[in-house]
Structures are given as C-alpha cells and as structure tokens.
Amino acid sequence: MTDPNALSIPPHISAAQIKGFAFAAGRTVLEGGVGKMLDLARANLRNVPRP
C-alpha cells in the first residue's frame, strides 16, 4: 500500500522547486486545506531520521 501523502524527494533540490512547493502549500492553506497540509506534514515527518 502506498501513502498518497508521501512526497518523492529528488537527490538535489533547486530553488525553483522549493519556491513552487511553497506556493502550492500556501495556496492549499489559503483555500481552507490546513488539515490537508497537516496530514502531509505528519506523513512525511515520520520518515525523517532522528539523531
């Protein structure tokens, strides 16, 4: 089963990709999708290695 909120992260991220993601996330939040962005963050932060 694949998590629909899982982000695919390339090995090298450009400034344009960061800018595009920030604009898309901001637009989602402004359209009332705060819960959707929180779900996205929860789904992806659990995969970040902790020291």
N, C-alpha and C. Protein backbone atom coordinates (compact mmCIF):
# COMPACT_ATOMS: atom_id res chain seq x y z
N MET A 1 0.85 -1.16 0.00
CA MET A 1 0.00 0.00 0.00
C MET A 1 0.90 1.24 0.00
N THR A 2 0.55 2.22 -0.79
CA THR A 2 1.32 3.45 -0.90
C THR A 2 0.57 4.59 -0.23
N ASP A 3 1.30 5.39 0.53
CA ASP A 3 0.71 6.55 1.18
C ASP A 3 0.52 7.66 0.15
N PRO A 4 -0.70 8.14 -0.07
CA PRO A 4 -0.92 9.19 -1.07
C PRO A 4 -0.28 10.52 -0.70
N ASN A 5 0.07 10.71 0.57
CA ASN A 5 0.70 11.95 1.01
C ASN A 5 2.22 11.90 0.98
N ALA A 6 2.79 10.76 0.62
CA ALA A 6 4.24 10.64 0.62
C ALA A 6 4.84 11.47 -0.51
N LEU A 7 5.82 12.28 -0.15
CA LEU A 7 6.50 13.11 -1.15
C LEU A 7 7.68 12.35 -1.72
N SER A 8 7.89 12.49 -3.01
CA SER A 8 9.10 11.92 -3.60
C SER A 8 10.13 13.05 -3.64
N ILE A 9 11.25 12.83 -2.99
CA ILE A 9 12.26 13.87 -2.88
C ILE A 9 13.45 13.50 -3.75
N PRO A 10 13.78 14.36 -4.72
CA PRO A 10 14.93 14.09 -5.58
C PRO A 10 16.23 14.30 -4.81
N PRO A 11 17.34 13.76 -5.33
CA PRO A 11 18.62 13.90 -4.62
C PRO A 11 19.11 15.34 -4.53
N HIS A 12 18.76 16.16 -5.51
CA HIS A 12 19.15 17.57 -5.50
C HIS A 12 17.89 18.41 -5.71
N ILE A 13 17.70 19.39 -4.82
CA ILE A 13 16.51 20.23 -4.88
C ILE A 13 16.93 21.63 -5.30
N SER A 14 16.25 22.16 -6.32
CA SER A 14 16.58 23.51 -6.79
C SER A 14 15.72 24.55 -6.07
N ALA A 15 16.15 25.79 -6.16
CA ALA A 15 15.39 26.88 -5.55
C ALA A 15 14.01 27.00 -6.18
N ALA A 16 13.92 26.74 -7.48
CA ALA A 16 12.62 26.81 -8.16
C ALA A 16 11.65 25.75 -7.62
N GLN A 17 12.16 24.57 -7.29
CA GLN A 17 11.31 23.52 -6.73
C GLN A 17 10.82 23.92 -5.34
N ILE A 18 11.68 24.52 -4.55
CA ILE A 18 11.30 24.97 -3.21
C ILE A 18 10.23 26.06 -3.32
N LYS A 19 10.44 26.99 -4.23
CA LYS A 19 9.50 28.09 -4.44
C LYS A 19 8.14 27.54 -4.90
N GLY A 20 8.14 26.60 -5.83
CA GLY A 20 6.90 26.02 -6.31
C GLY A 20 6.14 25.28 -5.23
N PHE A 21 6.87 24.51 -4.40
CA PHE A 21 6.22 23.79 -3.31
C PHE A 21 5.63 24.76 -2.30
N ALA A 22 6.38 25.83 -1.98
CA ALA A 22 5.89 26.82 -1.02
C ALA A 22 4.63 27.51 -1.53
N PHE A 23 4.60 27.87 -2.80
CA PHE A 23 3.41 28.49 -3.38
C PHE A 23 2.23 27.53 -3.36
N ALA A 24 2.45 26.27 -3.71
CA ALA A 24 1.36 25.28 -3.73
C ALA A 24 0.83 25.04 -2.32
N ALA A 25 1.74 24.95 -1.35
CA ALA A 25 1.32 24.73 0.04
C ALA A 25 0.55 25.94 0.55
N GLY A 26 1.04 27.14 0.24
CA GLY A 26 0.34 28.35 0.67
C GLY A 26 -1.04 28.46 0.07
N ARG A 27 -1.15 28.12 -1.22
CA ARG A 27 -2.45 28.17 -1.90
C ARG A 27 -3.41 27.16 -1.26
N THR A 28 -2.91 25.98 -0.93
CA THR A 28 -3.75 24.96 -0.29
C THR A 28 -4.27 25.46 1.05
N VAL A 29 -3.39 26.06 1.85
CA VAL A 29 -3.78 26.57 3.16
C VAL A 29 -4.80 27.69 3.01
N LEU A 30 -4.57 28.61 2.08
CA LEU A 30 -5.49 29.73 1.90
C LEU A 30 -6.86 29.29 1.38
N GLU A 31 -6.92 28.15 0.71
CA GLU A 31 -8.19 27.62 0.23
C GLU A 31 -8.90 26.77 1.27
N GLY A 32 -8.39 26.77 2.50
CA GLY A 32 -9.04 26.05 3.58
C GLY A 32 -8.52 24.64 3.78
N GLY A 33 -7.36 24.34 3.25
CA GLY A 33 -6.82 23.00 3.36
C GLY A 33 -5.75 22.84 4.42
N VAL A 34 -5.93 23.52 5.57
CA VAL A 34 -4.95 23.41 6.64
C VAL A 34 -4.82 21.96 7.10
N GLY A 35 -5.93 21.27 7.22
CA GLY A 35 -5.91 19.86 7.64
C GLY A 35 -5.16 19.00 6.64
N LYS A 36 -5.32 19.30 5.36
CA LYS A 36 -4.61 18.54 4.32
C LYS A 36 -3.10 18.73 4.44
N MET A 37 -2.68 19.96 4.72
CA MET A 37 -1.25 20.23 4.87
C MET A 37 -0.70 19.59 6.14
N LEU A 38 -1.48 19.55 7.20
CA LEU A 38 -1.04 18.88 8.42
C LEU A 38 -0.89 17.38 8.18
N ASP A 39 -1.81 16.79 7.45
CA ASP A 39 -1.70 15.37 7.11
C ASP A 39 -0.45 15.10 6.28
N LEU A 40 -0.16 16.00 5.34
CA LEU A 40 1.03 15.88 4.51
C LEU A 40 2.28 15.94 5.37
N ALA A 41 2.32 16.88 6.31
CA ALA A 41 3.49 17.02 7.18
C ALA A 41 3.66 15.79 8.06
N ARG A 42 2.56 15.31 8.64
CA ARG A 42 2.65 14.12 9.51
C ARG A 42 3.15 12.90 8.73
N ALA A 43 2.66 12.73 7.51
CA ALA A 43 3.03 11.57 6.70
C ALA A 43 4.50 11.60 6.34
N ASN A 44 5.07 12.78 6.18
CA ASN A 44 6.45 12.86 5.72
C ASN A 44 7.45 13.08 6.84
N LEU A 45 7.06 13.68 7.95
CA LEU A 45 7.98 13.89 9.05
C LEU A 45 8.31 12.59 9.78
N ARG A 46 7.44 11.62 9.69
CA ARG A 46 7.73 10.35 10.36
C ARG A 46 8.87 9.60 9.68
N ASN A 47 9.20 9.99 8.45
CA ASN A 47 10.28 9.34 7.72
C ASN A 47 11.62 10.05 7.85
N VAL A 48 11.66 11.16 8.57
CA VAL A 48 12.92 11.90 8.74
C VAL A 48 13.71 11.22 9.84
N PRO A 49 14.97 10.87 9.56
CA PRO A 49 15.78 10.21 10.59
C PRO A 49 16.06 11.15 11.75
N ARG A 50 16.00 10.63 12.94
CA ARG A 50 16.26 11.42 14.15
C ARG A 50 17.61 11.00 14.72
N PRO A 51 18.36 11.97 15.26
CA PRO A 51 19.69 11.64 15.81
C PRO A 51 19.62 10.78 17.05
